Amino acid sequence: MNARPPVLANPGRRLLAVVIDVVIAVVALSVLSAAIGLVVTLGRPGADNSPFYLTLLAAVAMVFLYSPLLTAVCGGTVGKLICGLTVVRVADGRRLPYGTALARHLAHLGMWAVPVLSQLDALFCLWDRPYRQCLHDKAVGTLVLRTRMPAPSFQPPYPTVAAHPPVATNPPAGS
C-alpha cells in the first residue's frame, strides 16, 4: 500500500485554526463566566468577587487543558481538527505526549506576552525551511501537518454521454 508523504500545513490554515480556537475559548469563557455570575450572586445582594475568581480559575484550567490535552489525545485543538491539521514530533512523526503539548502551548503563550516576539513567532513559519515551523514549534521540536487533502478534481478524457437515448412516452398517432 502506498502511503502519501506528509504534507506541511500552510500558514493560512494555521491562522484559521487559531482564530477558530480563540472564538471557542472566548465563547466558552463568556458563557461560563455568566453562568458562574448568576449562580454565585443570585439572591445575594452583597455578593463578593467570587464570580471573578471562579472565572479566572476556569481560564487557568483552560490554559492547561484545552490545547495541551486535545493536542496530546486528538493530535490538535478543535480549530486544527476542523482545518484538517495535526501536530506531531519532528523526531518520529508521532503524536505529542501531554508534557510536550503543554510545553508547546506555554511557549506559544509566553511568546505572545512579548510584543515583538509574538509577531516573529507567528510569521516565522513563512520563511522557515524545511518544516515551516513557528518559533514555539522549534522550541519543543514539533511540526504541523495537513491531514485532510481536498479531493482531486477529475475531468473525464471524453465527453459524457447519456447512458440511454431518450424514450418517447406517447406512441405516434395512427399506430
N, C-alpha and C. Protein backbone atom coordinates (compact mmCIF):
# COMPACT_ATOMS: atom_id res chain seq x y z
N MET A 1 0.84 -1.18 0.00
CA MET A 1 0.00 0.00 0.00
C MET A 1 0.88 1.24 0.00
N ASN A 2 0.62 2.16 -0.91
CA ASN A 2 1.40 3.39 -1.00
C ASN A 2 0.78 4.45 -0.11
N ALA A 3 1.50 4.85 0.92
CA ALA A 3 1.04 5.93 1.78
C ALA A 3 1.58 7.24 1.22
N ARG A 4 0.72 8.26 1.24
CA ARG A 4 1.17 9.56 0.76
C ARG A 4 2.15 10.16 1.74
N PRO A 5 3.17 10.86 1.25
CA PRO A 5 4.10 11.51 2.17
C PRO A 5 3.37 12.63 2.92
N PRO A 6 3.81 12.95 4.12
CA PRO A 6 3.14 14.00 4.88
C PRO A 6 3.26 15.35 4.18
N VAL A 7 2.22 16.14 4.31
CA VAL A 7 2.18 17.47 3.71
C VAL A 7 2.17 18.49 4.84
N LEU A 8 3.07 19.46 4.76
CA LEU A 8 3.14 20.50 5.79
C LEU A 8 1.94 21.42 5.69
N ALA A 9 1.49 21.90 6.84
CA ALA A 9 0.36 22.82 6.89
C ALA A 9 0.78 24.18 6.35
N ASN A 10 -0.11 24.83 5.62
CA ASN A 10 0.23 26.17 5.16
C ASN A 10 -0.16 27.19 6.22
N PRO A 11 0.48 28.35 6.22
CA PRO A 11 0.23 29.37 7.25
C PRO A 11 -1.21 29.85 7.32
N GLY A 12 -1.91 29.89 6.20
CA GLY A 12 -3.30 30.33 6.20
C GLY A 12 -4.19 29.41 7.01
N ARG A 13 -4.02 28.11 6.84
CA ARG A 13 -4.80 27.14 7.62
C ARG A 13 -4.44 27.22 9.10
N ARG A 14 -3.17 27.42 9.39
CA ARG A 14 -2.76 27.54 10.79
C ARG A 14 -3.41 28.76 11.44
N LEU A 15 -3.44 29.87 10.71
CA LEU A 15 -4.06 31.08 11.24
C LEU A 15 -5.56 30.88 11.44
N LEU A 16 -6.22 30.25 10.49
CA LEU A 16 -7.65 29.98 10.62
C LEU A 16 -7.92 29.09 11.84
N ALA A 17 -7.07 28.10 12.07
CA ALA A 17 -7.24 27.23 13.23
C ALA A 17 -7.12 28.03 14.54
N VAL A 18 -6.17 28.96 14.60
CA VAL A 18 -6.02 29.79 15.80
C VAL A 18 -7.25 30.67 16.00
N VAL A 19 -7.77 31.24 14.93
CA VAL A 19 -8.97 32.09 15.03
C VAL A 19 -10.15 31.27 15.55
N ILE A 20 -10.33 30.06 15.03
CA ILE A 20 -11.42 29.19 15.50
C ILE A 20 -11.24 28.89 16.98
N ASP A 21 -10.01 28.56 17.40
CA ASP A 21 -9.76 28.25 18.81
C ASP A 21 -10.00 29.45 19.72
N VAL A 22 -9.63 30.64 19.26
CA VAL A 22 -9.86 31.85 20.07
C VAL A 22 -11.36 32.10 20.22
N VAL A 23 -12.10 31.93 19.15
CA VAL A 23 -13.56 32.11 19.22
C VAL A 23 -14.17 31.11 20.19
N ILE A 24 -13.75 29.85 20.12
CA ILE A 24 -14.25 28.82 21.03
C ILE A 24 -13.93 29.19 22.47
N ALA A 25 -12.69 29.63 22.73
CA ALA A 25 -12.29 29.99 24.09
C ALA A 25 -13.08 31.18 24.61
N VAL A 26 -13.26 32.20 23.79
CA VAL A 26 -13.99 33.40 24.23
C VAL A 26 -15.45 33.06 24.52
N VAL A 27 -16.07 32.29 23.64
CA VAL A 27 -17.47 31.92 23.85
C VAL A 27 -17.60 31.05 25.10
N ALA A 28 -16.72 30.06 25.24
CA ALA A 28 -16.79 29.17 26.40
C ALA A 28 -16.58 29.94 27.71
N LEU A 29 -15.59 30.81 27.74
CA LEU A 29 -15.35 31.58 28.98
C LEU A 29 -16.46 32.59 29.24
N SER A 30 -17.04 33.15 28.20
CA SER A 30 -18.15 34.10 28.39
C SER A 30 -19.37 33.40 28.98
N VAL A 31 -19.71 32.26 28.40
CA VAL A 31 -20.87 31.51 28.90
C VAL A 31 -20.60 31.03 30.33
N LEU A 32 -19.40 30.52 30.56
CA LEU A 32 -19.04 30.05 31.90
C LEU A 32 -19.05 31.19 32.91
N SER A 33 -18.52 32.32 32.52
CA SER A 33 -18.49 33.48 33.41
C SER A 33 -19.90 33.95 33.75
N ALA A 34 -20.76 34.01 32.76
CA ALA A 34 -22.15 34.42 33.01
C ALA A 34 -22.86 33.42 33.91
N ALA A 35 -22.64 32.13 33.66
CA ALA A 35 -23.27 31.10 34.49
C ALA A 35 -22.78 31.17 35.93
N ILE A 36 -21.47 31.32 36.11
CA ILE A 36 -20.92 31.42 37.46
C ILE A 36 -21.45 32.67 38.15
N GLY A 37 -21.49 33.77 37.43
CA GLY A 37 -22.01 35.01 38.00
C GLY A 37 -23.45 34.88 38.45
N LEU A 38 -24.27 34.23 37.65
CA LEU A 38 -25.67 34.04 38.02
C LEU A 38 -25.83 33.14 39.23
N VAL A 39 -25.11 32.03 39.23
CA VAL A 39 -25.23 31.07 40.32
C VAL A 39 -24.74 31.65 41.63
N VAL A 40 -23.59 32.31 41.60
CA VAL A 40 -22.98 32.80 42.84
C VAL A 40 -23.73 34.03 43.38
N THR A 41 -24.14 34.93 42.52
CA THR A 41 -24.73 36.18 43.01
C THR A 41 -26.24 36.14 43.11
N LEU A 42 -26.89 35.12 42.57
CA LEU A 42 -28.34 35.04 42.61
C LEU A 42 -28.83 35.01 44.05
N GLY A 43 -29.61 35.99 44.40
CA GLY A 43 -30.17 36.03 45.76
C GLY A 43 -29.22 36.56 46.82
N ARG A 44 -28.06 37.04 46.40
CA ARG A 44 -27.10 37.58 47.37
C ARG A 44 -26.84 39.04 47.04
N PRO A 45 -27.53 39.97 47.73
CA PRO A 45 -27.37 41.39 47.38
C PRO A 45 -25.96 41.92 47.62
N GLY A 46 -25.25 41.48 48.62
CA GLY A 46 -23.90 41.96 48.89
C GLY A 46 -22.86 40.96 48.45
N ALA A 47 -22.92 40.50 47.19
CA ALA A 47 -22.02 39.46 46.70
C ALA A 47 -20.59 39.96 46.62
N ASP A 48 -19.66 39.05 46.81
CA ASP A 48 -18.24 39.39 46.73
C ASP A 48 -17.71 39.13 45.32
N ASN A 49 -16.41 39.01 45.20
CA ASN A 49 -15.78 38.81 43.89
C ASN A 49 -15.63 37.33 43.51
N SER A 50 -16.40 36.47 44.12
CA SER A 50 -16.30 35.04 43.81
C SER A 50 -16.47 34.73 42.34
N PRO A 51 -17.43 35.35 41.62
CA PRO A 51 -17.55 35.02 40.19
C PRO A 51 -16.26 35.33 39.42
N PHE A 52 -15.60 36.42 39.75
CA PHE A 52 -14.36 36.77 39.06
C PHE A 52 -13.30 35.70 39.31
N TYR A 53 -13.14 35.28 40.55
CA TYR A 53 -12.11 34.30 40.87
C TYR A 53 -12.42 32.93 40.29
N LEU A 54 -13.68 32.55 40.25
CA LEU A 54 -14.04 31.27 39.66
C LEU A 54 -13.83 31.30 38.14
N THR A 55 -14.13 32.43 37.52
CA THR A 55 -13.90 32.57 36.07
C THR A 55 -12.40 32.55 35.78
N LEU A 56 -11.61 33.20 36.63
CA LEU A 56 -10.16 33.18 36.48
C LEU A 56 -9.63 31.75 36.62
N LEU A 57 -10.17 31.01 37.58
CA LEU A 57 -9.79 29.62 37.77
C LEU A 57 -10.15 28.79 36.51
N ALA A 58 -11.31 29.05 35.93
CA ALA A 58 -11.71 28.34 34.71
C ALA A 58 -10.78 28.70 33.56
N ALA A 59 -10.36 29.96 33.46
CA ALA A 59 -9.43 30.37 32.40
C ALA A 59 -8.09 29.68 32.55
N VAL A 60 -7.60 29.60 33.78
CA VAL A 60 -6.32 28.90 34.03
C VAL A 60 -6.46 27.42 33.69
N ALA A 61 -7.58 26.82 34.07
CA ALA A 61 -7.81 25.42 33.73
C ALA A 61 -7.83 25.22 32.22
N MET A 62 -8.41 26.18 31.52
CA MET A 62 -8.48 26.09 30.06
C MET A 62 -7.07 26.13 29.45
N VAL A 63 -6.19 26.95 30.02
CA VAL A 63 -4.82 27.04 29.53
C VAL A 63 -4.12 25.68 29.64
N PHE A 64 -4.36 24.98 30.75
CA PHE A 64 -3.66 23.72 30.97
C PHE A 64 -4.39 22.52 30.37
N LEU A 65 -5.63 22.71 29.95
CA LEU A 65 -6.38 21.56 29.45
C LEU A 65 -6.73 21.63 27.96
N TYR A 66 -7.27 22.75 27.49
CA TYR A 66 -7.81 22.78 26.13
C TYR A 66 -6.78 22.40 25.07
N SER A 67 -5.80 23.24 24.85
CA SER A 67 -4.83 22.97 23.79
C SER A 67 -3.92 21.78 24.10
N PRO A 68 -3.28 21.73 25.27
CA PRO A 68 -2.37 20.61 25.52
C PRO A 68 -3.06 19.25 25.54
N LEU A 69 -4.21 19.17 26.20
CA LEU A 69 -4.89 17.87 26.31
C LEU A 69 -5.42 17.41 24.95
N LEU A 70 -6.07 18.31 24.21
CA LEU A 70 -6.57 17.92 22.90
C LEU A 70 -5.43 17.60 21.92
N THR A 71 -4.32 18.32 22.02
CA THR A 71 -3.19 18.03 21.14
C THR A 71 -2.60 16.66 21.46
N ALA A 72 -2.52 16.32 22.75
CA ALA A 72 -1.98 15.02 23.14
C ALA A 72 -2.93 13.87 22.78
N VAL A 73 -4.22 14.07 22.98
CA VAL A 73 -5.19 13.00 22.77
C VAL A 73 -5.64 12.89 21.31
N CYS A 74 -5.93 14.02 20.68
CA CYS A 74 -6.51 14.01 19.33
C CYS A 74 -5.55 14.45 18.24
N GLY A 75 -4.40 15.00 18.60
CA GLY A 75 -3.45 15.48 17.60
C GLY A 75 -3.59 16.95 17.30
N GLY A 76 -4.53 17.63 17.93
CA GLY A 76 -4.70 19.06 17.72
C GLY A 76 -5.95 19.58 18.40
N THR A 77 -6.07 20.88 18.42
CA THR A 77 -7.24 21.52 19.01
C THR A 77 -8.43 21.39 18.06
N VAL A 78 -9.58 21.85 18.50
CA VAL A 78 -10.77 21.80 17.65
C VAL A 78 -10.52 22.58 16.36
N GLY A 79 -9.90 23.76 16.47
CA GLY A 79 -9.60 24.55 15.28
C GLY A 79 -8.70 23.81 14.31
N LYS A 80 -7.67 23.16 14.81
CA LYS A 80 -6.77 22.41 13.94
C LYS A 80 -7.49 21.23 13.29
N LEU A 81 -8.31 20.54 14.07
CA LEU A 81 -9.02 19.39 13.52
C LEU A 81 -10.02 19.82 12.44
N ILE A 82 -10.72 20.94 12.66
CA ILE A 82 -11.64 21.45 11.64
C ILE A 82 -10.88 21.81 10.37
N CYS A 83 -9.69 22.37 10.52
CA CYS A 83 -8.89 22.78 9.36
C CYS A 83 -8.09 21.63 8.76
N GLY A 84 -8.22 20.43 9.33
CA GLY A 84 -7.51 19.28 8.78
C GLY A 84 -6.03 19.28 9.09
N LEU A 85 -5.65 19.75 10.29
CA LEU A 85 -4.25 19.82 10.69
C LEU A 85 -4.00 18.94 11.89
N THR A 86 -2.77 18.51 12.06
CA THR A 86 -2.37 17.75 13.25
C THR A 86 -0.95 18.15 13.63
N VAL A 87 -0.64 18.05 14.93
CA VAL A 87 0.68 18.40 15.45
C VAL A 87 1.41 17.11 15.78
N VAL A 88 2.64 16.98 15.27
CA VAL A 88 3.45 15.78 15.51
C VAL A 88 4.87 16.18 15.93
N ARG A 89 5.60 15.20 16.43
CA ARG A 89 7.00 15.43 16.79
C ARG A 89 7.86 15.35 15.53
N VAL A 90 8.85 16.23 15.44
CA VAL A 90 9.76 16.21 14.29
C VAL A 90 10.57 14.92 14.29
N ALA A 91 10.98 14.47 15.45
CA ALA A 91 11.88 13.32 15.56
C ALA A 91 11.31 12.05 14.95
N ASP A 92 10.02 11.76 15.19
CA ASP A 92 9.48 10.49 14.73
C ASP A 92 8.09 10.59 14.09
N GLY A 93 7.53 11.79 14.00
CA GLY A 93 6.22 11.95 13.37
C GLY A 93 5.05 11.45 14.19
N ARG A 94 5.29 11.16 15.45
CA ARG A 94 4.22 10.64 16.31
C ARG A 94 3.52 11.76 17.06
N ARG A 95 2.36 11.44 17.59
CA ARG A 95 1.58 12.39 18.37
C ARG A 95 2.35 12.81 19.63
N LEU A 96 2.10 14.02 20.10
CA LEU A 96 2.82 14.56 21.25
C LEU A 96 2.27 13.98 22.56
N PRO A 97 3.17 13.70 23.51
CA PRO A 97 2.68 13.38 24.86
C PRO A 97 2.21 14.68 25.53
N TYR A 98 1.45 14.56 26.61
CA TYR A 98 0.87 15.74 27.25
C TYR A 98 1.94 16.75 27.66
N GLY A 99 3.06 16.30 28.21
CA GLY A 99 4.11 17.22 28.66
C GLY A 99 4.67 18.07 27.53
N THR A 100 4.90 17.46 26.39
CA THR A 100 5.40 18.20 25.23
C THR A 100 4.33 19.14 24.69
N ALA A 101 3.08 18.69 24.67
CA ALA A 101 1.98 19.54 24.21
C ALA A 101 1.82 20.75 25.14
N LEU A 102 1.96 20.52 26.44
CA LEU A 102 1.87 21.63 27.40
C LEU A 102 3.03 22.60 27.21
N ALA A 103 4.24 22.08 27.03
CA ALA A 103 5.41 22.94 26.81
C ALA A 103 5.23 23.76 25.53
N ARG A 104 4.70 23.17 24.48
CA ARG A 104 4.45 23.88 23.23
C ARG A 104 3.45 25.01 23.45
N HIS A 105 2.37 24.71 24.16
CA HIS A 105 1.34 25.71 24.43
C HIS A 105 1.88 26.84 25.31
N LEU A 106 2.64 26.51 26.34
CA LEU A 106 3.20 27.54 27.22
C LEU A 106 4.23 28.40 26.48
N ALA A 107 5.01 27.77 25.59
CA ALA A 107 5.96 28.53 24.78
C ALA A 107 5.21 29.51 23.88
N HIS A 108 4.11 29.05 23.31
CA HIS A 108 3.28 29.90 22.46
C HIS A 108 2.72 31.08 23.27
N LEU A 109 2.17 30.79 24.44
CA LEU A 109 1.62 31.86 25.29
C LEU A 109 2.72 32.81 25.76
N GLY A 110 3.87 32.26 26.12
CA GLY A 110 4.99 33.10 26.57
C GLY A 110 5.46 34.06 25.48
N MET A 111 5.49 33.57 24.25
CA MET A 111 5.92 34.43 23.15
C MET A 111 4.87 35.51 22.86
N TRP A 112 3.61 35.20 23.09
CA TRP A 112 2.56 36.20 22.88
C TRP A 112 2.57 37.27 23.95
N ALA A 113 3.26 37.03 25.06
CA ALA A 113 3.35 38.04 26.12
C ALA A 113 4.39 39.11 25.78
N VAL A 114 5.29 38.81 24.85
CA VAL A 114 6.33 39.75 24.45
C VAL A 114 5.95 40.32 23.07
N PRO A 115 5.68 41.64 22.98
CA PRO A 115 5.12 42.21 21.75
C PRO A 115 5.82 41.83 20.45
N VAL A 116 7.09 42.07 20.29
CA VAL A 116 7.76 41.80 19.02
C VAL A 116 7.90 40.30 18.79
N LEU A 117 8.15 39.56 19.85
CA LEU A 117 8.31 38.11 19.73
C LEU A 117 7.02 37.44 19.28
N SER A 118 5.88 38.00 19.64
CA SER A 118 4.60 37.41 19.22
C SER A 118 4.45 37.47 17.71
N GLN A 119 4.80 38.59 17.10
CA GLN A 119 4.71 38.70 15.64
C GLN A 119 5.76 37.82 14.96
N LEU A 120 6.95 37.81 15.52
CA LEU A 120 8.02 36.98 14.96
C LEU A 120 7.64 35.50 15.00
N ASP A 121 7.05 35.08 16.12
CA ASP A 121 6.61 33.69 16.25
C ASP A 121 5.60 33.34 15.18
N ALA A 122 4.60 34.20 14.99
CA ALA A 122 3.55 33.92 14.01
C ALA A 122 4.07 33.94 12.58
N LEU A 123 5.00 34.83 12.28
CA LEU A 123 5.50 34.97 10.91
C LEU A 123 6.63 34.01 10.56
N PHE A 124 7.26 33.42 11.57
CA PHE A 124 8.44 32.59 11.34
C PHE A 124 8.17 31.44 10.37
N CYS A 125 6.96 30.89 10.41
CA CYS A 125 6.66 29.75 9.53
C CYS A 125 6.59 30.14 8.06
N LEU A 126 6.56 31.44 7.77
CA LEU A 126 6.52 31.87 6.37
C LEU A 126 7.86 31.64 5.66
N TRP A 127 8.96 31.75 6.39
CA TRP A 127 10.27 31.59 5.75
C TRP A 127 11.09 30.41 6.30
N ASP A 128 10.59 29.75 7.32
CA ASP A 128 11.33 28.61 7.86
C ASP A 128 11.30 27.45 6.87
N ARG A 129 12.45 26.86 6.66
CA ARG A 129 12.57 25.68 5.81
C ARG A 129 13.41 24.65 6.54
N PRO A 130 13.15 23.39 6.45
CA PRO A 130 12.23 22.74 5.53
C PRO A 130 10.84 22.48 6.13
N TYR A 131 10.60 22.80 7.41
CA TYR A 131 9.37 22.35 8.06
C TYR A 131 8.28 23.40 8.27
N ARG A 132 8.52 24.66 7.89
CA ARG A 132 7.55 25.73 8.11
C ARG A 132 7.13 25.83 9.58
N GLN A 133 8.11 25.75 10.48
CA GLN A 133 7.82 25.80 11.91
C GLN A 133 7.73 27.24 12.42
N CYS A 134 6.81 27.47 13.34
CA CYS A 134 6.81 28.72 14.10
C CYS A 134 7.84 28.56 15.21
N LEU A 135 8.16 29.64 15.90
CA LEU A 135 9.17 29.54 16.96
C LEU A 135 8.74 28.60 18.08
N HIS A 136 7.44 28.62 18.44
CA HIS A 136 7.00 27.71 19.50
C HIS A 136 7.11 26.25 19.07
N ASP A 137 7.05 25.97 17.77
CA ASP A 137 7.27 24.61 17.28
C ASP A 137 8.75 24.24 17.41
N LYS A 138 9.61 25.18 17.04
CA LYS A 138 11.05 24.93 17.13
C LYS A 138 11.48 24.70 18.59
N ALA A 139 10.86 25.44 19.52
CA ALA A 139 11.24 25.34 20.93
C ALA A 139 11.05 23.93 21.48
N VAL A 140 10.06 23.20 20.99
CA VAL A 140 9.79 21.86 21.53
C VAL A 140 9.93 20.75 20.49
N GLY A 141 10.33 21.08 19.27
CA GLY A 141 10.56 20.06 18.25
C GLY A 141 9.28 19.46 17.67
N THR A 142 8.34 20.33 17.28
CA THR A 142 7.09 19.85 16.68
C THR A 142 6.90 20.47 15.31
N LEU A 143 5.99 19.89 14.55
CA LEU A 143 5.59 20.48 13.29
C LEU A 143 4.12 20.18 13.06
N VAL A 144 3.50 20.99 12.22
CA VAL A 144 2.07 20.86 11.94
C VAL A 144 1.91 20.33 10.51
N LEU A 145 1.14 19.24 10.41
CA LEU A 145 0.91 18.60 9.11
C LEU A 145 -0.54 18.75 8.69
N ARG A 146 -0.74 18.69 7.41
CA ARG A 146 -2.10 18.70 6.87
C ARG A 146 -2.54 17.25 6.76
N THR A 147 -3.67 16.93 7.37
CA THR A 147 -4.14 15.55 7.37
C THR A 147 -5.24 15.30 6.36
N ARG A 148 -6.03 16.32 6.06
CA ARG A 148 -7.12 16.18 5.12
C ARG A 148 -6.75 16.93 3.85
N MET A 149 -6.79 16.24 2.76
CA MET A 149 -6.47 16.86 1.48
C MET A 149 -7.75 16.97 0.66
N PRO A 150 -7.86 18.02 -0.13
CA PRO A 150 -9.06 18.12 -0.98
C PRO A 150 -9.05 17.02 -2.03
N ALA A 151 -10.23 16.57 -2.39
CA ALA A 151 -10.33 15.54 -3.42
C ALA A 151 -9.86 16.12 -4.75
N PRO A 152 -9.07 15.35 -5.49
CA PRO A 152 -8.61 15.87 -6.78
C PRO A 152 -9.79 16.02 -7.73
N SER A 153 -9.75 17.08 -8.50
CA SER A 153 -10.82 17.27 -9.48
C SER A 153 -10.50 16.40 -10.69
N PHE A 154 -11.43 15.57 -11.06
CA PHE A 154 -11.21 14.62 -12.15
C PHE A 154 -12.06 15.02 -13.34
N GLN A 155 -11.44 15.25 -14.45
CA GLN A 155 -12.14 15.54 -15.68
C GLN A 155 -12.02 14.32 -16.59
N PRO A 156 -13.13 13.74 -16.99
CA PRO A 156 -13.02 12.57 -17.88
C PRO A 156 -12.37 12.97 -19.20
N PRO A 157 -11.61 12.07 -19.80
CA PRO A 157 -10.91 12.40 -21.05
C PRO A 157 -11.84 12.44 -22.26
N TYR A 158 -13.10 12.14 -22.07
CA TYR A 158 -14.06 12.13 -23.16
C TYR A 158 -15.33 12.85 -22.70
N PRO A 159 -16.13 13.33 -23.64
CA PRO A 159 -17.37 13.99 -23.22
C PRO A 159 -18.36 12.99 -22.64
N THR A 160 -19.07 13.40 -21.63
CA THR A 160 -20.05 12.49 -21.02
C THR A 160 -21.27 12.41 -21.91
N VAL A 161 -21.82 11.20 -22.03
CA VAL A 161 -22.98 10.94 -22.87
C VAL A 161 -24.03 10.29 -21.98
N ALA A 162 -25.28 10.56 -22.26
CA ALA A 162 -26.35 9.91 -21.50
C ALA A 162 -26.26 8.40 -21.71
N ALA A 163 -26.59 7.63 -20.69
CA ALA A 163 -26.48 6.17 -20.76
C ALA A 163 -27.46 5.59 -21.78
N HIS A 164 -28.66 6.13 -21.89
CA HIS A 164 -29.67 5.63 -22.82
C HIS A 164 -30.24 6.81 -23.58
N PRO A 165 -30.56 6.60 -24.85
CA PRO A 165 -31.19 7.70 -25.59
C PRO A 165 -32.57 7.98 -25.01
N PRO A 166 -33.08 9.19 -25.16
CA PRO A 166 -34.41 9.50 -24.62
C PRO A 166 -35.47 8.61 -25.26
N VAL A 167 -36.44 8.20 -24.46
CA VAL A 167 -37.51 7.32 -24.92
C VAL A 167 -38.79 8.14 -25.00
N ALA A 168 -39.50 8.01 -26.11
CA ALA A 168 -40.77 8.71 -26.26
C ALA A 168 -41.80 8.05 -25.36
N THR A 169 -42.56 8.85 -24.64
CA THR A 169 -43.55 8.28 -23.73
C THR A 169 -44.90 8.09 -24.38
N ASN A 170 -45.22 8.85 -25.40
CA ASN A 170 -46.50 8.70 -26.11
C ASN A 170 -46.23 8.10 -27.48
N PRO A 171 -46.97 7.05 -27.85
CA PRO A 171 -46.76 6.48 -29.19
C PRO A 171 -47.30 7.45 -30.25
N PRO A 172 -46.73 7.42 -31.46
CA PRO A 172 -47.21 8.30 -32.51
C PRO A 172 -48.67 8.02 -32.85
N ALA A 173 -49.40 9.02 -33.27
CA ALA A 173 -50.83 8.87 -33.60
C ALA A 173 -50.97 8.02 -34.86
N GLY A 174 -51.98 7.18 -34.88
CA GLY A 174 -52.28 6.35 -36.05
C GLY A 174 -51.59 5.02 -36.01
N SER A 175 -50.97 4.64 -34.98
CA SER A 175 -50.34 3.33 -34.97
C SER A 175 -51.08 2.38 -34.10
